[in-house]
Amino acid sequence: MKFNFKQDNDLTIIRFEGDLIGEENGPEIIEHVNDTLSNNITKCAVDISEVRYINSSGIGVLITILTKFRNKSGEVVLINPSDHVKKLLVITKLNAIFTIVDDLDQAKEELNK
């Protein structure tokens, strides 16, 4: 799996590609999240449009990201999950916890409410 972090003013954009299985990259991703939060950036858009597969550890990474941002009075939105990932979010009822949008513009709009 590949991932990258990008800053856009007061917004962090995280892009994931491939299979989101948290065992490999989870600790490194969370370290980047902690660095972001230490810079007082509390809005995060997670682009998962290129994620083919996600397992329980990957879900754990997403929940950890959400929890860390919300603990700092921030928010996270998920951008354009694939049909497979959408189904998984529905099955696990995480679609009720995460805000899900279609693109980055919608994410910015949602995070600036």
N, C-alpha and C. Protein backbone atom coordinates (compact mmCIF):
# COMPACT_ATOMS: atom_id res chain seq x y z
N MET A 1 0.83 -1.17 0.00
CA MET A 1 0.00 0.00 0.00
C MET A 1 0.88 1.24 0.00
N LYS A 2 0.43 2.26 -0.73
CA LYS A 2 1.12 3.54 -0.74
C LYS A 2 0.23 4.56 -0.05
N PHE A 3 0.86 5.54 0.57
CA PHE A 3 0.10 6.64 1.15
C PHE A 3 0.95 7.90 1.11
N ASN A 4 0.28 9.05 1.09
CA ASN A 4 1.00 10.30 1.22
C ASN A 4 0.14 11.33 1.93
N PHE A 5 0.82 12.24 2.58
CA PHE A 5 0.19 13.32 3.33
C PHE A 5 0.50 14.63 2.62
N LYS A 6 -0.50 15.49 2.50
CA LYS A 6 -0.31 16.78 1.85
C LYS A 6 -1.05 17.83 2.67
N GLN A 7 -0.44 18.99 2.84
CA GLN A 7 -1.08 20.11 3.56
C GLN A 7 -1.67 21.06 2.53
N ASP A 8 -2.89 21.50 2.79
CA ASP A 8 -3.55 22.50 1.98
C ASP A 8 -4.13 23.52 2.95
N ASN A 9 -3.33 24.53 3.29
CA ASN A 9 -3.67 25.52 4.32
C ASN A 9 -3.94 24.80 5.64
N ASP A 10 -5.19 24.86 6.14
CA ASP A 10 -5.50 24.24 7.44
C ASP A 10 -6.08 22.84 7.29
N LEU A 11 -5.82 22.21 6.15
CA LEU A 11 -6.36 20.89 5.87
C LEU A 11 -5.24 19.91 5.55
N THR A 12 -5.34 18.71 6.14
CA THR A 12 -4.45 17.62 5.79
C THR A 12 -5.19 16.69 4.84
N ILE A 13 -4.54 16.33 3.75
CA ILE A 13 -5.12 15.38 2.81
C ILE A 13 -4.25 14.14 2.83
N ILE A 14 -4.88 13.01 3.16
CA ILE A 14 -4.17 11.73 3.17
C ILE A 14 -4.71 10.91 2.00
N ARG A 15 -3.81 10.42 1.16
CA ARG A 15 -4.23 9.58 0.02
C ARG A 15 -3.69 8.17 0.24
N PHE A 16 -4.58 7.21 0.14
CA PHE A 16 -4.19 5.80 0.22
C PHE A 16 -4.38 5.16 -1.15
N GLU A 17 -3.47 4.27 -1.52
CA GLU A 17 -3.58 3.50 -2.76
C GLU A 17 -3.28 2.04 -2.45
N GLY A 18 -4.02 1.15 -3.09
CA GLY A 18 -3.76 -0.28 -2.92
C GLY A 18 -4.63 -0.90 -1.85
N ASP A 19 -4.04 -1.80 -1.07
CA ASP A 19 -4.76 -2.51 -0.03
C ASP A 19 -4.45 -1.89 1.33
N LEU A 20 -5.50 -1.42 2.01
CA LEU A 20 -5.31 -0.78 3.32
C LEU A 20 -5.38 -1.86 4.39
N ILE A 21 -4.22 -2.40 4.68
CA ILE A 21 -4.10 -3.41 5.74
C ILE A 21 -3.08 -2.86 6.73
N GLY A 22 -3.58 -2.40 7.84
CA GLY A 22 -2.83 -1.57 8.77
C GLY A 22 -1.57 -2.13 9.38
N GLU A 23 -1.36 -3.45 9.34
CA GLU A 23 -0.20 -4.00 10.03
C GLU A 23 1.11 -3.41 9.52
N GLU A 24 1.21 -3.23 8.20
CA GLU A 24 2.47 -2.78 7.61
C GLU A 24 2.74 -1.31 7.89
N ASN A 25 1.78 -0.45 7.53
CA ASN A 25 2.02 0.98 7.56
C ASN A 25 1.32 1.71 8.70
N GLY A 26 0.47 1.02 9.43
CA GLY A 26 -0.32 1.66 10.48
C GLY A 26 0.46 2.57 11.40
N PRO A 27 1.53 2.08 12.05
CA PRO A 27 2.27 2.94 12.98
C PRO A 27 2.86 4.18 12.31
N GLU A 28 3.35 4.04 11.09
CA GLU A 28 3.93 5.18 10.37
C GLU A 28 2.84 6.21 10.03
N ILE A 29 1.69 5.73 9.61
CA ILE A 29 0.57 6.63 9.29
C ILE A 29 0.16 7.41 10.53
N ILE A 30 0.02 6.72 11.66
CA ILE A 30 -0.40 7.37 12.91
C ILE A 30 0.65 8.37 13.37
N GLU A 31 1.92 8.08 13.14
CA GLU A 31 2.99 9.03 13.49
C GLU A 31 2.82 10.32 12.68
N HIS A 32 2.51 10.19 11.38
CA HIS A 32 2.26 11.37 10.55
C HIS A 32 1.04 12.15 11.06
N VAL A 33 0.01 11.43 11.46
CA VAL A 33 -1.20 12.07 12.01
C VAL A 33 -0.83 12.86 13.27
N ASN A 34 -0.05 12.26 14.14
CA ASN A 34 0.37 12.94 15.37
C ASN A 34 1.16 14.21 15.05
N ASP A 35 2.05 14.14 14.04
CA ASP A 35 2.83 15.32 13.62
C ASP A 35 1.89 16.42 13.13
N THR A 36 0.90 16.02 12.34
CA THR A 36 -0.07 16.97 11.81
C THR A 36 -0.81 17.66 12.95
N LEU A 37 -1.29 16.88 13.90
CA LEU A 37 -2.04 17.45 15.01
C LEU A 37 -1.17 18.34 15.89
N SER A 38 0.11 18.01 16.01
CA SER A 38 1.00 18.84 16.82
C SER A 38 1.23 20.21 16.16
N ASN A 39 0.91 20.31 14.86
CA ASN A 39 0.98 21.60 14.15
C ASN A 39 -0.37 22.31 14.14
N ASN A 40 -1.29 21.85 15.00
CA ASN A 40 -2.62 22.45 15.15
C ASN A 40 -3.46 22.41 13.88
N ILE A 41 -3.26 21.40 13.06
CA ILE A 41 -4.10 21.19 11.89
C ILE A 41 -5.10 20.11 12.27
N THR A 42 -6.40 20.48 12.30
CA THR A 42 -7.41 19.56 12.85
C THR A 42 -8.46 19.14 11.83
N LYS A 43 -8.26 19.48 10.56
CA LYS A 43 -9.18 19.03 9.51
C LYS A 43 -8.44 18.05 8.62
N CYS A 44 -9.11 16.96 8.31
CA CYS A 44 -8.45 15.91 7.54
C CYS A 44 -9.41 15.30 6.52
N ALA A 45 -8.94 15.20 5.28
CA ALA A 45 -9.67 14.51 4.23
C ALA A 45 -8.86 13.27 3.86
N VAL A 46 -9.49 12.11 3.92
CA VAL A 46 -8.80 10.85 3.61
C VAL A 46 -9.34 10.34 2.28
N ASP A 47 -8.49 10.42 1.26
CA ASP A 47 -8.88 9.97 -0.08
C ASP A 47 -8.62 8.47 -0.18
N ILE A 48 -9.72 7.71 -0.21
CA ILE A 48 -9.59 6.25 -0.30
C ILE A 48 -10.14 5.73 -1.63
N SER A 49 -10.19 6.62 -2.63
CA SER A 49 -10.74 6.23 -3.93
C SER A 49 -9.90 5.15 -4.62
N GLU A 50 -8.61 5.08 -4.29
CA GLU A 50 -7.73 4.09 -4.92
C GLU A 50 -7.48 2.87 -4.03
N VAL A 51 -8.26 2.73 -2.95
CA VAL A 51 -8.12 1.57 -2.07
C VAL A 51 -8.96 0.43 -2.64
N ARG A 52 -8.29 -0.69 -2.94
CA ARG A 52 -8.99 -1.85 -3.51
C ARG A 52 -9.60 -2.71 -2.43
N TYR A 53 -8.88 -2.84 -1.31
CA TYR A 53 -9.28 -3.78 -0.26
C TYR A 53 -8.92 -3.16 1.08
N ILE A 54 -9.74 -3.45 2.06
CA ILE A 54 -9.45 -2.98 3.42
C ILE A 54 -9.80 -4.10 4.39
N ASN A 55 -8.93 -4.36 5.36
CA ASN A 55 -9.22 -5.39 6.36
C ASN A 55 -9.46 -4.74 7.72
N SER A 56 -9.61 -5.55 8.74
CA SER A 56 -9.93 -5.01 10.06
C SER A 56 -8.83 -4.08 10.59
N SER A 57 -7.58 -4.39 10.31
CA SER A 57 -6.50 -3.50 10.74
C SER A 57 -6.56 -2.17 10.00
N GLY A 58 -6.92 -2.22 8.72
CA GLY A 58 -7.09 -0.99 7.95
C GLY A 58 -8.22 -0.14 8.50
N ILE A 59 -9.31 -0.80 8.87
CA ILE A 59 -10.43 -0.10 9.50
C ILE A 59 -9.96 0.52 10.81
N GLY A 60 -9.15 -0.22 11.54
CA GLY A 60 -8.60 0.29 12.79
C GLY A 60 -7.77 1.56 12.58
N VAL A 61 -7.01 1.60 11.49
CA VAL A 61 -6.22 2.79 11.16
C VAL A 61 -7.16 3.98 10.92
N LEU A 62 -8.22 3.77 10.13
CA LEU A 62 -9.17 4.85 9.86
C LEU A 62 -9.83 5.34 11.14
N ILE A 63 -10.22 4.42 12.02
CA ILE A 63 -10.86 4.79 13.28
C ILE A 63 -9.88 5.54 14.18
N THR A 64 -8.62 5.11 14.20
CA THR A 64 -7.60 5.79 15.00
C THR A 64 -7.39 7.21 14.49
N ILE A 65 -7.34 7.38 13.16
CA ILE A 65 -7.20 8.72 12.59
C ILE A 65 -8.37 9.60 13.03
N LEU A 66 -9.59 9.07 12.89
CA LEU A 66 -10.79 9.82 13.28
C LEU A 66 -10.75 10.19 14.76
N THR A 67 -10.42 9.23 15.60
CA THR A 67 -10.39 9.45 17.05
C THR A 67 -9.37 10.53 17.41
N LYS A 68 -8.18 10.45 16.83
CA LYS A 68 -7.14 11.43 17.15
C LYS A 68 -7.56 12.84 16.75
N PHE A 69 -8.16 12.98 15.57
CA PHE A 69 -8.60 14.30 15.13
C PHE A 69 -9.76 14.80 16.00
N ARG A 70 -10.72 13.95 16.30
CA ARG A 70 -11.86 14.38 17.12
C ARG A 70 -11.43 14.72 18.54
N ASN A 71 -10.41 14.04 19.06
CA ASN A 71 -9.90 14.36 20.40
C ASN A 71 -9.30 15.75 20.45
N LYS A 72 -8.92 16.29 19.31
CA LYS A 72 -8.38 17.65 19.22
C LYS A 72 -9.43 18.61 18.66
N SER A 73 -10.71 18.23 18.78
CA SER A 73 -11.84 19.02 18.27
C SER A 73 -11.78 19.19 16.76
N GLY A 74 -11.23 18.20 16.08
CA GLY A 74 -11.15 18.23 14.63
C GLY A 74 -12.16 17.29 14.00
N GLU A 75 -12.02 17.11 12.69
CA GLU A 75 -12.93 16.23 11.96
C GLU A 75 -12.20 15.59 10.78
N VAL A 76 -12.72 14.44 10.38
CA VAL A 76 -12.19 13.67 9.25
C VAL A 76 -13.34 13.34 8.32
N VAL A 77 -13.08 13.45 7.01
CA VAL A 77 -14.05 12.97 6.03
C VAL A 77 -13.33 11.97 5.11
N LEU A 78 -14.10 11.02 4.62
CA LEU A 78 -13.57 10.04 3.67
C LEU A 78 -14.01 10.44 2.27
N ILE A 79 -13.09 10.37 1.32
CA ILE A 79 -13.37 10.76 -0.05
C ILE A 79 -13.49 9.54 -0.95
N ASN A 80 -14.64 9.42 -1.59
CA ASN A 80 -14.90 8.51 -2.69
C ASN A 80 -14.45 7.05 -2.48
N PRO A 81 -14.97 6.37 -1.46
CA PRO A 81 -14.62 4.95 -1.32
C PRO A 81 -15.18 4.13 -2.48
N SER A 82 -14.47 3.08 -2.85
CA SER A 82 -14.95 2.18 -3.90
C SER A 82 -16.22 1.47 -3.41
N ASP A 83 -16.92 0.83 -4.32
CA ASP A 83 -18.14 0.10 -3.93
C ASP A 83 -17.84 -0.95 -2.87
N HIS A 84 -16.72 -1.66 -3.04
CA HIS A 84 -16.34 -2.70 -2.07
C HIS A 84 -16.13 -2.09 -0.68
N VAL A 85 -15.38 -0.99 -0.62
CA VAL A 85 -15.11 -0.34 0.67
C VAL A 85 -16.39 0.27 1.24
N LYS A 86 -17.25 0.85 0.39
CA LYS A 86 -18.53 1.39 0.84
C LYS A 86 -19.37 0.32 1.52
N LYS A 87 -19.44 -0.86 0.89
CA LYS A 87 -20.20 -1.97 1.48
C LYS A 87 -19.66 -2.33 2.85
N LEU A 88 -18.35 -2.38 2.96
CA LEU A 88 -17.72 -2.71 4.24
C LEU A 88 -18.04 -1.65 5.29
N LEU A 89 -18.05 -0.38 4.90
CA LEU A 89 -18.38 0.69 5.83
C LEU A 89 -19.84 0.56 6.30
N VAL A 90 -20.72 0.13 5.41
CA VAL A 90 -22.12 -0.07 5.77
C VAL A 90 -22.26 -1.27 6.71
N ILE A 91 -21.62 -2.39 6.37
CA ILE A 91 -21.69 -3.61 7.18
C ILE A 91 -21.20 -3.34 8.60
N THR A 92 -20.11 -2.58 8.72
CA THR A 92 -19.52 -2.30 10.03
C THR A 92 -20.18 -1.09 10.71
N LYS A 93 -21.16 -0.48 10.02
CA LYS A 93 -21.87 0.69 10.51
C LYS A 93 -20.97 1.92 10.68
N LEU A 94 -19.80 1.89 10.05
CA LEU A 94 -18.90 3.03 10.13
C LEU A 94 -19.37 4.17 9.23
N ASN A 95 -20.29 3.88 8.32
CA ASN A 95 -20.85 4.94 7.48
C ASN A 95 -21.65 5.93 8.34
N ALA A 96 -22.06 5.51 9.53
CA ALA A 96 -22.77 6.40 10.45
C ALA A 96 -21.79 7.26 11.26
N ILE A 97 -20.54 6.86 11.31
CA ILE A 97 -19.54 7.57 12.11
C ILE A 97 -18.73 8.53 11.24
N PHE A 98 -18.38 8.07 10.04
CA PHE A 98 -17.59 8.88 9.11
C PHE A 98 -18.51 9.68 8.19
N THR A 99 -18.10 10.87 7.86
CA THR A 99 -18.74 11.62 6.79
C THR A 99 -18.07 11.17 5.49
N ILE A 100 -18.88 10.80 4.51
CA ILE A 100 -18.35 10.29 3.24
C ILE A 100 -18.78 11.25 2.13
N VAL A 101 -17.81 11.71 1.34
CA VAL A 101 -18.08 12.66 0.26
C VAL A 101 -17.51 12.11 -1.05
N ASP A 102 -17.88 12.77 -2.16
CA ASP A 102 -17.47 12.29 -3.48
C ASP A 102 -16.13 12.81 -3.95
N ASP A 103 -15.74 14.02 -3.51
CA ASP A 103 -14.49 14.59 -4.01
C ASP A 103 -13.90 15.58 -3.00
N LEU A 104 -12.72 16.09 -3.33
CA LEU A 104 -12.00 16.98 -2.41
C LEU A 104 -12.76 18.28 -2.19
N ASP A 105 -13.41 18.81 -3.22
CA ASP A 105 -14.18 20.05 -3.04
C ASP A 105 -15.29 19.86 -2.01
N GLN A 106 -16.00 18.74 -2.11
CA GLN A 106 -17.05 18.44 -1.12
C GLN A 106 -16.45 18.27 0.27
N ALA A 107 -15.27 17.65 0.34
CA ALA A 107 -14.59 17.46 1.63
C ALA A 107 -14.29 18.81 2.26
N LYS A 108 -13.74 19.73 1.47
CA LYS A 108 -13.42 21.06 2.00
C LYS A 108 -14.68 21.78 2.48
N GLU A 109 -15.75 21.65 1.69
CA GLU A 109 -17.02 22.28 2.06
C GLU A 109 -17.53 21.71 3.39
N GLU A 110 -17.49 20.39 3.51
CA GLU A 110 -17.98 19.72 4.71
C GLU A 110 -17.13 20.11 5.93
N LEU A 111 -15.83 20.18 5.77
CA LEU A 111 -14.94 20.46 6.89
C LEU A 111 -14.97 21.93 7.30
N ASN A 112 -15.48 22.79 6.44
CA ASN A 112 -15.54 24.22 6.77
C ASN A 112 -16.90 24.66 7.27
N LYS A 113 -17.78 23.70 7.57
CA LYS A 113 -19.10 24.03 8.11
C LYS A 113 -18.99 24.52 9.54
